[in-house]
Amino acid sequence: MFATLALAAWAALPAKAGVVRGEVFYRERLALPADAVVEVTLLDVTRADRPGELIAALQIRSRRQVPIPFEIHFADPEIDPRRSYAVRASIVAEGRLLFITADLPRVLTQGNPSIVRIQLTAVSQGGAGVSGEALVGHVWLAEDIGGRGVVDNVQSRISVSAAGEMSGSGGCNILRGAAQIDGRSLAFGVIAATRKMCPPAVMDQETKFLRALDLTREFGIDGPHLKFFDTNGSELVRFTRLP
């Protein structure tokens, strides 16, 4: 009740320039581990055909339970009133992805607020099983993204450790994040990337690759290939294992 009243009091105040504020919560009756880290990112989501572009990020190491308040600060020139922005959050502990954003609340522009409540949903914590063991500990190179192949000599690749740590490359930038495997189910938390610029064709492939990782909810091993699927069972990426 106090958190709800506090949020309402925030909403009554004029928006503070350069800040998105709010709280992260979930409805499941689960206590957070002491080492849990809340990750909140502010994204440019103007383009529906690509993952959000990172504007600012925040990590919170809090020993309190939800709701957990946050403030993300950004430089005013980074926000364009003609574009769309949203916030995304996840909770990670011991390299495991525990909770992910149920949706992406819009903020800042086009009549959207600078104060939001971000609801998370729990990621199943079941065992990885045989298929999970086949996925982890290897480097997987994308050979097809969205049924349109890949650019020659551009390596979009990932590797997932037994602890759920994801690393790789979009083809231009280095990627880091957390993955949660439960049987055939697979979900990635917030993925951090370096901000190097490469030729347009390379950046286009990286954008499509990141979008595919964002939509991934299931995987399968088909002979020498690893495949990622969305919630509808549509194939997003096909990988081959590097030696």
Protein backbone atom coordinates (compact mmCIF):
# COMPACT_ATOMS: atom_id res chain seq x y z
CA MET A 1 0.00 0.00 0.00
CA PHE A 2 2.79 2.44 0.89
CA ALA A 3 4.56 1.74 -2.43
CA THR A 4 1.32 2.37 -4.35
CA LEU A 5 0.72 5.64 -2.52
CA ALA A 6 4.33 6.68 -3.08
CA LEU A 7 4.03 5.99 -6.79
CA ALA A 8 0.81 8.00 -6.95
CA ALA A 9 2.57 10.88 -5.19
CA TRP A 10 5.40 10.73 -7.75
CA ALA A 11 2.87 10.84 -10.59
CA ALA A 12 1.39 14.04 -9.19
CA LEU A 13 4.74 15.80 -9.53
CA PRO A 14 5.99 17.44 -12.72
CA ALA A 15 8.21 15.10 -14.79
CA LYS A 16 11.85 15.56 -13.86
CA ALA A 17 14.00 16.15 -16.93
CA GLY A 18 16.47 13.40 -17.64
CA VAL A 19 14.92 10.76 -15.35
CA VAL A 20 12.57 7.79 -15.71
CA ARG A 21 11.33 6.63 -12.31
CA GLY A 22 9.16 3.84 -11.03
CA GLU A 23 9.22 0.40 -9.47
CA VAL A 24 9.71 -3.21 -10.49
CA PHE A 25 7.36 -5.87 -9.12
CA TYR A 26 5.93 -9.33 -9.71
CA ARG A 27 2.84 -11.13 -8.41
CA GLU A 28 4.36 -14.56 -7.74
CA ARG A 29 4.88 -15.45 -4.08
CA LEU A 30 8.62 -15.95 -4.41
CA ALA A 31 11.32 -14.36 -2.29
CA LEU A 32 14.35 -12.89 -4.04
CA PRO A 33 17.78 -14.35 -3.20
CA ALA A 34 20.15 -12.03 -1.32
CA ASP A 35 22.40 -11.66 -4.38
CA ALA A 36 19.60 -10.78 -6.83
CA VAL A 37 20.34 -8.03 -9.35
CA VAL A 38 17.57 -5.98 -10.95
CA GLU A 39 18.46 -4.76 -14.45
CA VAL A 40 16.40 -1.92 -15.95
CA THR A 41 17.00 -0.45 -19.39
CA LEU A 42 15.60 2.52 -21.27
CA LEU A 43 15.15 1.68 -24.96
CA ASP A 44 14.31 3.46 -28.19
CA VAL A 45 11.55 1.26 -29.64
CA THR A 46 10.54 3.43 -32.58
CA ARG A 47 11.35 0.71 -35.11
CA ALA A 48 8.99 -2.24 -34.67
CA ASP A 49 11.15 -4.45 -36.90
CA ARG A 50 14.21 -4.35 -34.64
CA PRO A 51 15.04 -4.69 -30.93
CA GLY A 52 15.12 -1.54 -28.87
CA GLU A 53 18.23 0.62 -29.06
CA LEU A 54 19.81 1.05 -25.64
CA ILE A 55 19.63 4.62 -24.27
CA ALA A 56 20.53 4.02 -20.61
CA ALA A 57 20.83 1.08 -18.21
CA LEU A 58 20.75 0.55 -14.47
CA GLN A 59 21.68 -2.35 -12.18
CA ILE A 60 20.27 -2.49 -8.66
CA ARG A 61 21.66 -4.79 -5.99
CA SER A 62 18.94 -4.62 -3.39
CA ARG A 63 18.37 -6.80 -0.35
CA ARG A 64 14.74 -5.72 -0.15
CA GLN A 65 11.83 -7.58 -1.73
CA VAL A 66 9.56 -6.20 -4.44
CA PRO A 67 8.40 -3.62 -5.23
CA ILE A 68 11.88 -2.23 -5.89
CA PRO A 69 12.12 1.44 -6.88
CA PHE A 70 14.43 2.65 -9.64
CA GLU A 71 15.60 5.83 -11.38
CA ILE A 72 17.26 5.81 -14.81
CA HIS A 73 19.09 9.01 -15.73
CA PHE A 74 19.72 9.99 -19.33
CA ALA A 75 21.05 12.95 -21.26
CA ASP A 76 18.26 15.17 -22.59
CA PRO A 77 19.67 15.23 -26.18
CA GLU A 78 19.21 11.44 -26.33
CA ILE A 79 15.41 11.81 -26.27
CA ASP A 80 13.63 12.86 -29.47
CA PRO A 81 9.91 13.76 -29.02
CA ARG A 82 9.19 12.23 -32.43
CA ARG A 83 10.42 8.79 -31.34
CA SER A 84 9.04 6.09 -29.01
CA TYR A 85 10.67 4.85 -25.80
CA ALA A 86 10.05 2.00 -23.37
CA VAL A 87 11.59 0.42 -20.30
CA ARG A 88 12.50 -3.22 -19.84
CA ALA A 89 13.55 -5.08 -16.70
CA SER A 90 14.78 -8.46 -15.51
CA ILE A 91 16.05 -10.01 -12.29
CA VAL A 92 19.14 -12.24 -12.29
CA ALA A 93 20.75 -14.21 -9.46
CA GLU A 94 23.79 -16.49 -9.59
CA GLY A 95 23.82 -16.21 -13.38
CA ARG A 96 20.20 -17.42 -13.62
CA LEU A 97 17.42 -15.39 -15.17
CA LEU A 98 14.59 -15.38 -12.60
CA PHE A 99 12.11 -12.81 -13.91
CA ILE A 100 11.57 -10.98 -17.19
CA THR A 101 9.36 -8.12 -18.34
CA ALA A 102 5.77 -9.09 -19.08
CA ASP A 103 5.46 -6.17 -21.49
CA LEU A 104 7.34 -2.99 -22.40
CA PRO A 105 5.67 0.06 -20.85
CA ARG A 106 6.08 3.16 -23.03
CA VAL A 107 7.55 6.30 -21.47
CA LEU A 108 8.51 9.95 -22.01
CA THR A 109 7.15 10.89 -25.44
CA GLN A 110 3.82 10.90 -27.30
CA GLY A 111 1.86 11.49 -24.11
CA ASN A 112 3.50 8.66 -22.15
CA PRO A 113 4.62 9.21 -18.52
CA SER A 114 8.08 9.37 -16.97
CA ILE A 115 6.92 7.23 -14.03
CA VAL A 116 5.98 3.56 -14.52
CA ARG A 117 5.40 0.26 -12.76
CA ILE A 118 7.13 -2.64 -14.53
CA GLN A 119 5.49 -6.02 -13.98
CA LEU A 120 7.74 -9.08 -14.34
CA THR A 121 6.88 -12.74 -14.82
CA ALA A 122 8.81 -15.69 -13.43
CA VAL A 123 10.99 -17.84 -15.68
CA SER A 124 10.64 -21.53 -14.89
CA GLN A 125 13.54 -22.89 -12.85
CA GLY A 126 13.32 -26.54 -13.87
CA GLY A 127 16.33 -28.63 -14.77
CA ALA A 128 18.00 -28.19 -18.11
CA GLY A 129 17.60 -31.83 -19.17
CA VAL A 130 19.45 -33.59 -21.99
CA SER A 131 18.55 -31.02 -24.66
CA GLY A 132 19.80 -28.23 -22.39
CA GLU A 133 23.07 -30.03 -21.90
CA ALA A 134 23.43 -30.25 -25.67
CA LEU A 135 23.05 -26.48 -25.94
CA VAL A 136 25.44 -25.24 -23.25
CA GLY A 137 29.21 -25.13 -23.41
CA HIS A 138 29.47 -24.74 -27.19
CA VAL A 139 29.84 -21.84 -29.63
CA TRP A 140 26.95 -21.65 -32.09
CA LEU A 141 27.24 -19.74 -35.37
CA ALA A 142 24.08 -18.42 -37.05
CA GLU A 143 23.71 -19.72 -40.61
CA ASP A 144 20.15 -18.47 -41.14
CA ILE A 145 18.16 -15.66 -39.51
CA GLY A 146 14.45 -15.37 -40.24
CA GLY A 147 14.68 -17.60 -43.30
CA ARG A 148 16.83 -15.11 -45.19
CA GLY A 149 20.30 -16.52 -44.68
CA VAL A 150 23.24 -14.47 -43.38
CA VAL A 151 25.85 -12.13 -44.83
CA ASP A 152 29.01 -13.90 -45.95
CA ASN A 153 31.89 -13.68 -43.44
CA VAL A 154 29.70 -11.93 -40.81
CA GLN A 155 29.62 -14.10 -37.69
CA SER A 156 26.57 -13.78 -35.46
CA ARG A 157 27.21 -16.29 -32.71
CA ILE A 158 26.39 -17.15 -29.12
CA SER A 159 27.55 -19.40 -26.31
CA VAL A 160 25.63 -20.27 -23.13
CA SER A 161 27.45 -21.54 -20.05
CA ALA A 162 26.09 -24.09 -17.58
CA ALA A 163 25.53 -21.17 -15.17
CA GLY A 164 23.25 -19.45 -17.70
CA GLU A 165 25.71 -16.77 -18.82
CA MET A 166 25.28 -15.83 -22.48
CA SER A 167 28.11 -14.34 -24.52
CA GLY A 168 28.69 -13.84 -28.20
CA SER A 169 28.66 -11.39 -31.06
CA GLY A 170 25.95 -9.91 -33.21
CA GLY A 171 28.41 -9.74 -36.08
CA CYS A 172 29.73 -6.32 -35.08
CA ASN A 173 29.28 -5.83 -31.34
CA ILE A 174 30.10 -8.06 -28.38
CA LEU A 175 27.02 -9.37 -26.53
CA ARG A 176 26.57 -10.29 -22.87
CA GLY A 177 23.47 -11.42 -20.99
CA ALA A 178 21.72 -14.17 -19.07
CA ALA A 179 19.77 -17.15 -20.37
CA GLN A 180 17.35 -19.47 -18.64
CA ILE A 181 16.86 -23.02 -19.91
CA ASP A 182 14.05 -25.32 -18.78
CA GLY A 183 13.81 -28.42 -20.92
CA ARG A 184 13.15 -27.01 -24.40
CA SER A 185 12.16 -23.58 -23.08
CA LEU A 186 14.69 -20.78 -23.50
CA ALA A 187 14.52 -17.07 -22.66
CA PHE A 188 17.13 -14.33 -22.63
CA GLY A 189 17.22 -11.40 -20.22
CA VAL A 190 18.43 -7.93 -21.06
CA ILE A 191 21.32 -8.26 -23.51
CA ALA A 192 24.13 -5.72 -23.20
CA ALA A 193 26.08 -4.84 -26.33
CA THR A 194 29.05 -2.67 -27.15
CA ARG A 195 28.24 0.35 -29.37
CA LYS A 196 30.62 -0.09 -32.28
CA MET A 197 29.37 0.87 -35.75
CA CYS A 198 29.97 -1.40 -38.76
CA PRO A 199 28.88 -1.33 -42.43
CA PRO A 200 25.09 -1.15 -42.96
CA ALA A 201 24.71 -4.78 -44.07
CA VAL A 202 26.50 -5.98 -40.93
CA MET A 203 24.42 -3.76 -38.65
CA ASP A 204 21.23 -4.96 -40.34
CA GLN A 205 22.12 -8.59 -39.65
CA GLU A 206 23.03 -7.79 -36.04
CA THR A 207 19.70 -6.02 -35.54
CA LYS A 208 17.80 -9.02 -36.88
CA PHE A 209 19.87 -11.38 -34.72
CA LEU A 210 19.20 -9.39 -31.54
CA ARG A 211 15.51 -9.23 -32.39
CA ALA A 212 15.44 -13.00 -32.79
CA LEU A 213 17.10 -13.52 -29.40
CA ASP A 214 14.55 -11.19 -27.83
CA LEU A 215 11.66 -13.26 -29.26
CA THR A 216 13.16 -16.69 -28.49
CA ARG A 217 11.08 -18.86 -26.17
CA GLU A 218 12.08 -22.39 -27.22
CA PHE A 219 14.97 -24.22 -28.83
CA GLY A 220 15.64 -27.56 -30.46
CA ILE A 221 18.60 -29.64 -31.61
CA ASP A 222 18.15 -31.05 -35.12
CA GLY A 223 21.19 -33.10 -36.06
CA PRO A 224 24.13 -30.67 -36.28
CA HIS A 225 21.85 -27.65 -35.98
CA LEU A 226 20.53 -25.60 -33.07
CA LYS A 227 17.23 -23.82 -33.75
CA PHE A 228 15.48 -21.02 -31.87
CA PHE A 229 11.70 -20.63 -32.02
CA ASP A 230 9.20 -17.96 -30.93
CA THR A 231 5.99 -18.52 -28.94
CA ASN A 232 4.17 -19.64 -32.09
CA GLY A 233 6.81 -22.24 -32.97
CA SER A 234 8.17 -20.24 -35.91
CA GLU A 235 11.88 -20.70 -36.53
CA LEU A 236 13.88 -17.56 -35.75
CA VAL A 237 17.51 -18.64 -36.11
CA ARG A 238 19.32 -21.78 -37.25
CA PHE A 239 22.85 -22.31 -35.92
CA THR A 240 25.67 -24.70 -36.61
CA ARG A 241 28.15 -25.66 -33.90
CA LEU A 242 31.70 -24.39 -34.25
CA PRO A 243 34.52 -26.88 -33.57
